[in-house]
Amino acid sequence: LGIPTVADRVAQTAVKKVLEARMEALFCPWSYGYRPGKNAQQ
């Protein structure tokens, strides 16, 4: 596991917040990992 610094985690979170909804519209419904509203049990 690669642990970024706190500042780098903030920067990465900023990018994730911009991209996540955009990528959700692209991704396949049968992909379940690390996505809002989806989980391993599904």
All heavy atoms as atom14 arrays in JSON, in Angstrom:
{
  "sequence": "LGIPTVADRVAQTAVKKVLEARMEALFCPWSYGYRPGKNAQQ",
  "atom14_mask": [
    [1, 1, 1, 1, 1, 1, 1, 1, 0, 0, 0, 0, 0, 0],
    [1, 1, 1, 1, 0, 0, 0, 0, 0, 0, 0, 0, 0, 0],
    [1, 1, 1, 1, 1, 1, 1, 1, 0, 0, 0, 0, 0, 0],
    [1, 1, 1, 1, 1, 1, 1, 0, 0, 0, 0, 0, 0, 0],
    [1, 1, 1, 1, 1, 1, 1, 0, 0, 0, 0, 0, 0, 0],
    [1, 1, 1, 1, 1, 1, 1, 0, 0, 0, 0, 0, 0, 0],
    [1, 1, 1, 1, 1, 0, 0, 0, 0, 0, 0, 0, 0, 0],
    [1, 1, 1, 1, 1, 1, 1, 1, 0, 0, 0, 0, 0, 0],
    [1, 1, 1, 1, 1, 1, 1, 1, 1, 1, 1, 0, 0, 0],
    [1, 1, 1, 1, 1, 1, 1, 0, 0, 0, 0, 0, 0, 0],
    [1, 1, 1, 1, 1, 0, 0, 0, 0, 0, 0, 0, 0, 0],
    [1, 1, 1, 1, 1, 1, 1, 1, 1, 0, 0, 0, 0, 0],
    [1, 1, 1, 1, 1, 1, 1, 0, 0, 0, 0, 0, 0, 0],
    [1, 1, 1, 1, 1, 0, 0, 0, 0, 0, 0, 0, 0, 0],
    [1, 1, 1, 1, 1, 1, 1, 0, 0, 0, 0, 0, 0, 0],
    [1, 1, 1, 1, 1, 1, 1, 1, 1, 0, 0, 0, 0, 0],
    [1, 1, 1, 1, 1, 1, 1, 1, 1, 0, 0, 0, 0, 0],
    [1, 1, 1, 1, 1, 1, 1, 0, 0, 0, 0, 0, 0, 0],
    [1, 1, 1, 1, 1, 1, 1, 1, 0, 0, 0, 0, 0, 0],
    [1, 1, 1, 1, 1, 1, 1, 1, 1, 0, 0, 0, 0, 0],
    [1, 1, 1, 1, 1, 0, 0, 0, 0, 0, 0, 0, 0, 0],
    [1, 1, 1, 1, 1, 1, 1, 1, 1, 1, 1, 0, 0, 0],
    [1, 1, 1, 1, 1, 1, 1, 1, 0, 0, 0, 0, 0, 0],
    [1, 1, 1, 1, 1, 1, 1, 1, 1, 0, 0, 0, 0, 0],
    [1, 1, 1, 1, 1, 0, 0, 0, 0, 0, 0, 0, 0, 0],
    [1, 1, 1, 1, 1, 1, 1, 1, 0, 0, 0, 0, 0, 0],
    [1, 1, 1, 1, 1, 1, 1, 1, 1, 1, 1, 0, 0, 0],
    [1, 1, 1, 1, 1, 1, 0, 0, 0, 0, 0, 0, 0, 0],
    [1, 1, 1, 1, 1, 1, 1, 0, 0, 0, 0, 0, 0, 0],
    [1, 1, 1, 1, 1, 1, 1, 1, 1, 1, 1, 1, 1, 1],
    [1, 1, 1, 1, 1, 1, 0, 0, 0, 0, 0, 0, 0, 0],
    [1, 1, 1, 1, 1, 1, 1, 1, 1, 1, 1, 1, 0, 0],
    [1, 1, 1, 1, 0, 0, 0, 0, 0, 0, 0, 0, 0, 0],
    [1, 1, 1, 1, 1, 1, 1, 1, 1, 1, 1, 1, 0, 0],
    [1, 1, 1, 1, 1, 1, 1, 1, 1, 1, 1, 0, 0, 0],
    [1, 1, 1, 1, 1, 1, 1, 0, 0, 0, 0, 0, 0, 0],
    [1, 1, 1, 1, 0, 0, 0, 0, 0, 0, 0, 0, 0, 0],
    [1, 1, 1, 1, 1, 1, 1, 1, 1, 0, 0, 0, 0, 0],
    [1, 1, 1, 1, 1, 1, 1, 1, 0, 0, 0, 0, 0, 0],
    [1, 1, 1, 1, 1, 0, 0, 0, 0, 0, 0, 0, 0, 0],
    [1, 1, 1, 1, 1, 1, 1, 1, 1, 0, 0, 0, 0, 0],
    [1, 1, 1, 1, 1, 1, 1, 1, 1, 0, 0, 0, 0, 0]
  ],
  "atom14_positions": [
    [[0.85, -1.19, 0.0], [0.0, 0.0, 0.0], [0.88, 1.23, 0.0], [1.89, 1.29, 0.71], [-0.91, 0.02, 1.23], [-2.02, -1.02, 1.34], [-2.87, -0.75, 2.57], [-2.88, -1.02, 0.09], [0.0, 0.0, 0.0], [0.0, 0.0, 0.0], [0.0, 0.0, 0.0], [0.0, 0.0, 0.0], [0.0, 0.0, 0.0], [0.0, 0.0, 0.0]],
    [[0.52, 2.21, -0.8], [1.25, 3.47, -0.84], [0.46, 4.56, -0.15], [-0.63, 4.92, -0.59], [0.0, 0.0, 0.0], [0.0, 0.0, 0.0], [0.0, 0.0, 0.0], [0.0, 0.0, 0.0], [0.0, 0.0, 0.0], [0.0, 0.0, 0.0], [0.0, 0.0, 0.0], [0.0, 0.0, 0.0], [0.0, 0.0, 0.0], [0.0, 0.0, 0.0]],
    [[0.97, 5.09, 0.96], [0.25, 6.08, 1.75], [0.74, 7.48, 1.38], [1.9, 7.83, 1.66], [0.44, 5.83, 3.25], [-0.04, 4.42, 3.6], [-0.3, 6.87, 4.07], [0.18, 4.04, 5.05], [0.0, 0.0, 0.0], [0.0, 0.0, 0.0], [0.0, 0.0, 0.0], [0.0, 0.0, 0.0], [0.0, 0.0, 0.0], [0.0, 0.0, 0.0]],
    [[-0.1, 8.31, 0.76], [0.31, 9.69, 0.45], [0.31, 10.55, 1.71], [-0.27, 10.2, 2.74], [-0.77, 10.16, -0.54], [-1.59, 8.95, -0.88], [-1.45, 8.0, 0.26], [0.0, 0.0, 0.0], [0.0, 0.0, 0.0], [0.0, 0.0, 0.0], [0.0, 0.0, 0.0], [0.0, 0.0, 0.0], [0.0, 0.0, 0.0], [0.0, 0.0, 0.0]],
    [[0.94, 11.71, 1.62], [0.88, 12.68, 2.71], [-0.54, 13.23, 2.81], [-1.37, 13.07, 1.9], [1.85, 13.83, 2.48], [1.44, 14.55, 1.3], [3.27, 13.33, 2.29], [0.0, 0.0, 0.0], [0.0, 0.0, 0.0], [0.0, 0.0, 0.0], [0.0, 0.0, 0.0], [0.0, 0.0, 0.0], [0.0, 0.0, 0.0], [0.0, 0.0, 0.0]],
    [[-0.83, 13.9, 3.93], [-2.16, 14.48, 4.11], [-2.46, 15.49, 3.0], [-3.55, 15.51, 2.42], [-2.28, 15.14, 5.49], [-3.62, 15.86, 5.64], [-2.11, 14.1, 6.6], [0.0, 0.0, 0.0], [0.0, 0.0, 0.0], [0.0, 0.0, 0.0], [0.0, 0.0, 0.0], [0.0, 0.0, 0.0], [0.0, 0.0, 0.0], [0.0, 0.0, 0.0]],
    [[-1.48, 16.34, 2.68], [-1.68, 17.35, 1.63], [-1.98, 16.69, 0.28], [-2.86, 17.14, -0.46], [-0.45, 18.24, 1.52], [0.0, 0.0, 0.0], [0.0, 0.0, 0.0], [0.0, 0.0, 0.0], [0.0, 0.0, 0.0], [0.0, 0.0, 0.0], [0.0, 0.0, 0.0], [0.0, 0.0, 0.0], [0.0, 0.0, 0.0], [0.0, 0.0, 0.0]],
    [[-1.27, 15.6, -0.02], [-1.51, 14.91, -1.29], [-2.87, 14.22, -1.3], [-3.52, 14.13, -2.34], [-0.4, 13.91, -1.56], [0.93, 14.57, -1.84], [0.92, 15.72, -2.32], [1.99, 13.96, -1.58], [0.0, 0.0, 0.0], [0.0, 0.0, 0.0], [0.0, 0.0, 0.0], [0.0, 0.0, 0.0], [0.0, 0.0, 0.0], [0.0, 0.0, 0.0]],
    [[-3.31, 13.76, -0.12], [-4.65, 13.17, -0.06], [-5.72, 14.22, -0.3], [-6.74, 13.95, -0.94], [-4.86, 12.47, 1.29], [-3.93, 11.3, 1.53], [-4.52, 10.27, 2.47], [-4.68, 10.71, 3.83], [-3.75, 10.59, 4.79], [-2.56, 10.07, 4.5], [-3.99, 10.98, 6.02], [0.0, 0.0, 0.0], [0.0, 0.0, 0.0], [0.0, 0.0, 0.0]],
    [[-5.51, 15.43, 0.21], [-6.46, 16.51, -0.05], [-6.5, 16.84, -1.54], [-7.56, 17.0, -2.14], [-6.09, 17.76, 0.77], [-6.99, 18.95, 0.4], [-6.2, 17.47, 2.27], [0.0, 0.0, 0.0], [0.0, 0.0, 0.0], [0.0, 0.0, 0.0], [0.0, 0.0, 0.0], [0.0, 0.0, 0.0], [0.0, 0.0, 0.0], [0.0, 0.0, 0.0]],
    [[-5.32, 16.92, -2.17], [-5.26, 17.23, -3.61], [-5.95, 16.14, -4.42], [-6.72, 16.43, -5.36], [-3.8, 17.38, -4.03], [0.0, 0.0, 0.0], [0.0, 0.0, 0.0], [0.0, 0.0, 0.0], [0.0, 0.0, 0.0], [0.0, 0.0, 0.0], [0.0, 0.0, 0.0], [0.0, 0.0, 0.0], [0.0, 0.0, 0.0], [0.0, 0.0, 0.0]],
    [[-5.7, 14.87, -4.09], [-6.33, 13.77, -4.83], [-7.84, 13.76, -4.61], [-8.61, 13.46, -5.54], [-5.71, 12.44, -4.41], [-4.28, 12.26, -4.86], [-3.75, 10.86, -4.59], [-4.52, 9.92, -4.42], [-2.44, 10.73, -4.55], [0.0, 0.0, 0.0], [0.0, 0.0, 0.0], [0.0, 0.0, 0.0], [0.0, 0.0, 0.0], [0.0, 0.0, 0.0]],
    [[-8.27, 14.08, -3.41], [-9.71, 14.13, -3.13], [-10.38, 15.22, -3.95], [-11.5, 15.04, -4.45], [-9.96, 14.35, -1.64], [-9.35, 13.29, -0.9], [-11.45, 14.37, -1.33], [0.0, 0.0, 0.0], [0.0, 0.0, 0.0], [0.0, 0.0, 0.0], [0.0, 0.0, 0.0], [0.0, 0.0, 0.0], [0.0, 0.0, 0.0], [0.0, 0.0, 0.0]],
    [[-9.71, 16.35, -4.13], [-10.26, 17.43, -4.95], [-10.5, 16.95, -6.38], [-11.55, 17.22, -6.98], [-9.33, 18.64, -4.92], [0.0, 0.0, 0.0], [0.0, 0.0, 0.0], [0.0, 0.0, 0.0], [0.0, 0.0, 0.0], [0.0, 0.0, 0.0], [0.0, 0.0, 0.0], [0.0, 0.0, 0.0], [0.0, 0.0, 0.0], [0.0, 0.0, 0.0]],
    [[-9.52, 16.24, -6.94], [-9.68, 15.72, -8.3], [-10.78, 14.67, -8.35], [-11.6, 14.65, -9.28], [-8.34, 15.14, -8.8], [-8.53, 14.35, -10.09], [-7.33, 16.27, -9.01], [0.0, 0.0, 0.0], [0.0, 0.0, 0.0], [0.0, 0.0, 0.0], [0.0, 0.0, 0.0], [0.0, 0.0, 0.0], [0.0, 0.0, 0.0], [0.0, 0.0, 0.0]],
    [[-10.83, 13.82, -7.34], [-11.87, 12.79, -7.31], [-13.26, 13.42, -7.27], [-14.19, 12.96, -7.94], [-11.66, 11.88, -6.1], [-12.69, 10.76, -6.01], [-12.5, 9.93, -4.76], [-13.59, 8.87, -4.63], [-13.48, 8.11, -3.37], [0.0, 0.0, 0.0], [0.0, 0.0, 0.0], [0.0, 0.0, 0.0], [0.0, 0.0, 0.0], [0.0, 0.0, 0.0]],
    [[-13.42, 14.49, -6.5], [-14.72, 15.15, -6.41], [-15.15, 15.72, -7.75], [-16.35, 15.72, -8.09], [-14.68, 16.26, -5.34], [-14.72, 15.74, -3.91], [-14.72, 16.88, -2.93], [-14.89, 16.38, -1.5], [-16.23, 15.78, -1.27], [0.0, 0.0, 0.0], [0.0, 0.0, 0.0], [0.0, 0.0, 0.0], [0.0, 0.0, 0.0], [0.0, 0.0, 0.0]],
    [[-14.21, 16.19, -8.54], [-14.55, 16.73, -9.86], [-14.92, 15.61, -10.82], [-15.86, 15.73, -11.62], [-13.37, 17.54, -10.42], [-13.65, 18.0, -11.85], [-13.1, 18.77, -9.53], [0.0, 0.0, 0.0], [0.0, 0.0, 0.0], [0.0, 0.0, 0.0], [0.0, 0.0, 0.0], [0.0, 0.0, 0.0], [0.0, 0.0, 0.0], [0.0, 0.0, 0.0]],
    [[-14.22, 14.48, -10.74], [-14.35, 13.44, -11.77], [-15.38, 12.37, -11.46], [-15.89, 11.72, -12.38], [-13.0, 12.76, -11.98], [-11.86, 13.59, -12.57], [-10.65, 12.71, -12.81], [-12.3, 14.27, -13.86], [0.0, 0.0, 0.0], [0.0, 0.0, 0.0], [0.0, 0.0, 0.0], [0.0, 0.0, 0.0], [0.0, 0.0, 0.0], [0.0, 0.0, 0.0]],
    [[-15.7, 12.14, -10.19], [-16.46, 10.94, -9.84], [-17.82, 10.87, -10.53], [-18.17, 9.84, -11.13], [-16.64, 10.85, -8.32], [-17.21, 9.52, -7.88], [-17.07, 9.33, -6.38], [-17.6, 10.16, -5.61], [-16.42, 8.34, -5.98], [0.0, 0.0, 0.0], [0.0, 0.0, 0.0], [0.0, 0.0, 0.0], [0.0, 0.0, 0.0], [0.0, 0.0, 0.0]],
    [[-18.6, 11.94, -10.47], [-19.92, 11.91, -11.11], [-19.79, 11.73, -12.62], [-20.6, 11.03, -13.24], [-20.68, 13.2, -10.79], [0.0, 0.0, 0.0], [0.0, 0.0, 0.0], [0.0, 0.0, 0.0], [0.0, 0.0, 0.0], [0.0, 0.0, 0.0], [0.0, 0.0, 0.0], [0.0, 0.0, 0.0], [0.0, 0.0, 0.0], [0.0, 0.0, 0.0]],
    [[-18.78, 12.32, -13.21], [-18.56, 12.19, -14.65], [-18.25, 10.74, -15.01], [-18.76, 10.22, -16.0], [-17.4, 13.1, -15.05], [-17.18, 13.25, -16.54], [-15.94, 14.11, -16.79], [-16.0, 15.39, -16.09], [-14.99, 16.24, -16.02], [-13.83, 15.95, -16.61], [-15.1, 17.38, -15.36], [0.0, 0.0, 0.0], [0.0, 0.0, 0.0], [0.0, 0.0, 0.0]],
    [[-17.41, 10.1, -14.23], [-17.06, 8.71, -14.51], [-18.21, 7.76, -14.21], [-18.37, 6.74, -14.88], [-15.82, 8.31, -13.7], [-14.57, 9.09, -14.07], [-14.18, 8.98, -15.83], [-12.82, 10.13, -15.96], [0.0, 0.0, 0.0], [0.0, 0.0, 0.0], [0.0, 0.0, 0.0], [0.0, 0.0, 0.0], [0.0, 0.0, 0.0], [0.0, 0.0, 0.0]],
    [[-19.03, 8.09, -13.22], [-20.17, 7.24, -12.91], [-21.12, 7.13, -14.09], [-21.73, 6.09, -14.33], [-20.91, 7.78, -11.68], [-20.29, 7.39, -10.36], [-20.25, 5.89, -10.18], [-21.3, 5.24, -10.23], [-19.14, 5.35, -9.98], [0.0, 0.0, 0.0], [0.0, 0.0, 0.0], [0.0, 0.0, 0.0], [0.0, 0.0, 0.0], [0.0, 0.0, 0.0]],
    [[-21.27, 8.21, -14.84], [-22.13, 8.17, -16.02], [-21.55, 7.29, -17.12], [-22.28, 6.81, -17.99], [-22.34, 9.59, -16.55], [0.0, 0.0, 0.0], [0.0, 0.0, 0.0], [0.0, 0.0, 0.0], [0.0, 0.0, 0.0], [0.0, 0.0, 0.0], [0.0, 0.0, 0.0], [0.0, 0.0, 0.0], [0.0, 0.0, 0.0], [0.0, 0.0, 0.0]],
    [[-20.25, 7.04, -17.06], [-19.56, 6.23, -18.07], [-19.53, 4.76, -17.71], [-19.71, 3.9, -18.57], [-18.13, 6.75, -18.25], [-17.15, 5.91, -19.07], [-17.53, 5.97, -20.56], [-15.72, 6.4, -18.85], [0.0, 0.0, 0.0], [0.0, 0.0, 0.0], [0.0, 0.0, 0.0], [0.0, 0.0, 0.0], [0.0, 0.0, 0.0], [0.0, 0.0, 0.0]],
    [[-19.34, 4.45, -16.43], [-19.03, 3.1, -16.01], [-20.21, 2.14, -16.21], [-21.37, 2.53, -16.15], [-18.59, 3.07, -14.55], [-17.23, 3.68, -14.3], [-16.88, 4.14, -13.04], [-16.3, 3.78, -15.32], [-15.63, 4.69, -12.8], [-15.05, 4.34, -15.1], [-14.72, 4.79, -13.83], [0.0, 0.0, 0.0], [0.0, 0.0, 0.0], [0.0, 0.0, 0.0]],
    [[-19.85, 0.88, -16.38], [-20.82, -0.21, -16.59], [-21.56, -0.52, -15.28], [-20.97, -0.45, -14.2], [-20.06, -1.44, -17.09], [-21.0, -2.96, -17.07], [0.0, 0.0, 0.0], [0.0, 0.0, 0.0], [0.0, 0.0, 0.0], [0.0, 0.0, 0.0], [0.0, 0.0, 0.0], [0.0, 0.0, 0.0], [0.0, 0.0, 0.0], [0.0, 0.0, 0.0]],
    [[-22.85, -0.88, -15.35], [-23.59, -1.2, -14.12], [-23.1, -2.45, -13.42], [-23.42, -2.67, -12.25], [-25.03, -1.36, -14.6], [-24.94, -1.64, -16.06], [-23.72, -0.91, -16.54], [0.0, 0.0, 0.0], [0.0, 0.0, 0.0], [0.0, 0.0, 0.0], [0.0, 0.0, 0.0], [0.0, 0.0, 0.0], [0.0, 0.0, 0.0], [0.0, 0.0, 0.0]],
    [[-22.32, -3.31, -14.11], [-21.86, -4.55, -13.49], [-20.46, -4.41, -12.9], [-19.84, -5.4, -12.54], [-21.9, -5.68, -14.51], [-23.18, -5.72, -15.29], [-23.31, -5.78, -16.64], [-24.51, -5.67, -14.78], [-24.63, -5.76, -17.01], [-25.39, -5.7, -15.87], [-25.06, -5.6, -13.49], [-26.78, -5.67, -15.72], [-26.43, -5.55, -13.34], [-27.27, -5.6, -14.44]],
    [[-19.99, -3.18, -12.79], [-18.75, -2.88, -12.07], [-19.14, -2.36, -10.69], [-19.86, -1.37, -10.57], [-17.93, -1.83, -12.84], [-16.94, -1.26, -12.02], [0.0, 0.0, 0.0], [0.0, 0.0, 0.0], [0.0, 0.0, 0.0], [0.0, 0.0, 0.0], [0.0, 0.0, 0.0], [0.0, 0.0, 0.0], [0.0, 0.0, 0.0], [0.0, 0.0, 0.0]],
    [[-18.67, -3.01, -9.63], [-19.17, -2.74, -8.29], [-18.13, -2.14, -7.35], [-18.49, -1.67, -6.27], [-19.7, -4.03, -7.66], [-20.92, -4.59, -8.35], [-20.81, -5.51, -9.38], [-22.2, -4.19, -7.97], [-21.93, -6.04, -10.01], [-23.33, -4.71, -8.59], [-23.18, -5.62, -9.62], [-24.3, -6.13, -10.24], [0.0, 0.0, 0.0], [0.0, 0.0, 0.0]],
    [[-16.87, -2.17, -7.7], [-15.83, -1.79, -6.75], [-15.6, -0.29, -6.65], [-15.48, 0.39, -7.66], [0.0, 0.0, 0.0], [0.0, 0.0, 0.0], [0.0, 0.0, 0.0], [0.0, 0.0, 0.0], [0.0, 0.0, 0.0], [0.0, 0.0, 0.0], [0.0, 0.0, 0.0], [0.0, 0.0, 0.0], [0.0, 0.0, 0.0], [0.0, 0.0, 0.0]],
    [[-15.54, 0.21, -5.41], [-15.16, 1.59, -5.13], [-16.05, 2.6, -5.87], [-15.57, 3.59, -6.41], [-13.69, 1.83, -5.5], [-12.76, 0.8, -4.94], [-12.09, -0.1, -5.77], [-12.55, 0.69, -3.57], [-11.24, -1.07, -5.26], [-11.7, -0.27, -3.05], [-11.06, -1.14, -3.9], [-10.21, -2.1, -3.39], [0.0, 0.0, 0.0], [0.0, 0.0, 0.0]],
    [[-17.34, 2.33, -5.87], [-18.28, 3.22, -6.54], [-19.4, 3.59, -5.58], [-19.87, 2.73, -4.81], [-18.85, 2.57, -7.8], [-17.81, 2.3, -8.87], [-18.45, 1.63, -10.08], [-19.49, 2.47, -10.66], [-20.31, 2.07, -11.63], [-20.21, 0.84, -12.11], [-21.23, 2.89, -12.1], [0.0, 0.0, 0.0], [0.0, 0.0, 0.0], [0.0, 0.0, 0.0]],
    [[-19.87, 4.83, -5.61], [-20.96, 5.22, -4.72], [-22.23, 4.43, -5.02], [-22.6, 4.25, -6.18], [-21.14, 6.72, -5.02], [-20.51, 6.94, -6.35], [-19.4, 5.95, -6.45], [0.0, 0.0, 0.0], [0.0, 0.0, 0.0], [0.0, 0.0, 0.0], [0.0, 0.0, 0.0], [0.0, 0.0, 0.0], [0.0, 0.0, 0.0], [0.0, 0.0, 0.0]],
    [[-22.88, 3.93, -3.97], [-24.12, 3.19, -4.14], [-23.93, 1.74, -4.54], [-24.93, 1.03, -4.75], [0.0, 0.0, 0.0], [0.0, 0.0, 0.0], [0.0, 0.0, 0.0], [0.0, 0.0, 0.0], [0.0, 0.0, 0.0], [0.0, 0.0, 0.0], [0.0, 0.0, 0.0], [0.0, 0.0, 0.0], [0.0, 0.0, 0.0], [0.0, 0.0, 0.0]],
    [[-22.69, 1.27, -4.67], [-22.43, -0.12, -5.03], [-21.49, -0.75, -3.99], [-20.69, -0.04, -3.37], [-21.82, -0.22, -6.42], [-22.8, 0.15, -7.55], [-22.18, -0.05, -8.91], [-23.18, 0.23, -10.02], [-24.25, -0.8, -10.09], [0.0, 0.0, 0.0], [0.0, 0.0, 0.0], [0.0, 0.0, 0.0], [0.0, 0.0, 0.0], [0.0, 0.0, 0.0]],
    [[-21.6, -2.06, -3.82], [-20.77, -2.73, -2.83], [-20.53, -4.18, -3.21], [-21.08, -4.69, -4.2], [-21.42, -2.64, -1.44], [-22.81, -3.24, -1.4], [-23.03, -4.37, -1.83], [-23.77, -2.49, -0.87], [0.0, 0.0, 0.0], [0.0, 0.0, 0.0], [0.0, 0.0, 0.0], [0.0, 0.0, 0.0], [0.0, 0.0, 0.0], [0.0, 0.0, 0.0]],
    [[-19.7, -4.84, -2.42], [-19.3, -6.22, -2.73], [-20.47, -7.18, -2.61], [-20.57, -8.14, -3.39], [-18.17, -6.64, -1.79], [0.0, 0.0, 0.0], [0.0, 0.0, 0.0], [0.0, 0.0, 0.0], [0.0, 0.0, 0.0], [0.0, 0.0, 0.0], [0.0, 0.0, 0.0], [0.0, 0.0, 0.0], [0.0, 0.0, 0.0], [0.0, 0.0, 0.0]],
    [[-21.36, -6.97, -1.66], [-22.5, -7.87, -1.51], [-23.4, -7.85, -2.74], [-23.96, -8.88, -3.12], [-23.3, -7.5, -0.26], [-22.63, -7.93, 1.04], [-23.48, -7.64, 2.25], [-24.33, -6.76, 2.23], [-23.24, -8.37, 3.33], [0.0, 0.0, 0.0], [0.0, 0.0, 0.0], [0.0, 0.0, 0.0], [0.0, 0.0, 0.0], [0.0, 0.0, 0.0]],
    [[-23.54, -6.7, -3.38], [-24.32, -6.64, -4.62], [-23.66, -7.47, -5.71], [-24.35, -8.16, -6.48], [-24.47, -5.19, -5.07], [-25.31, -4.33, -4.15], [-25.26, -2.86, -4.53], [-24.45, -2.44, -5.37], [-26.11, -2.06, -3.92], [0.0, 0.0, 0.0], [0.0, 0.0, 0.0], [0.0, 0.0, 0.0], [0.0, 0.0, 0.0], [0.0, 0.0, 0.0]]
  ]
}
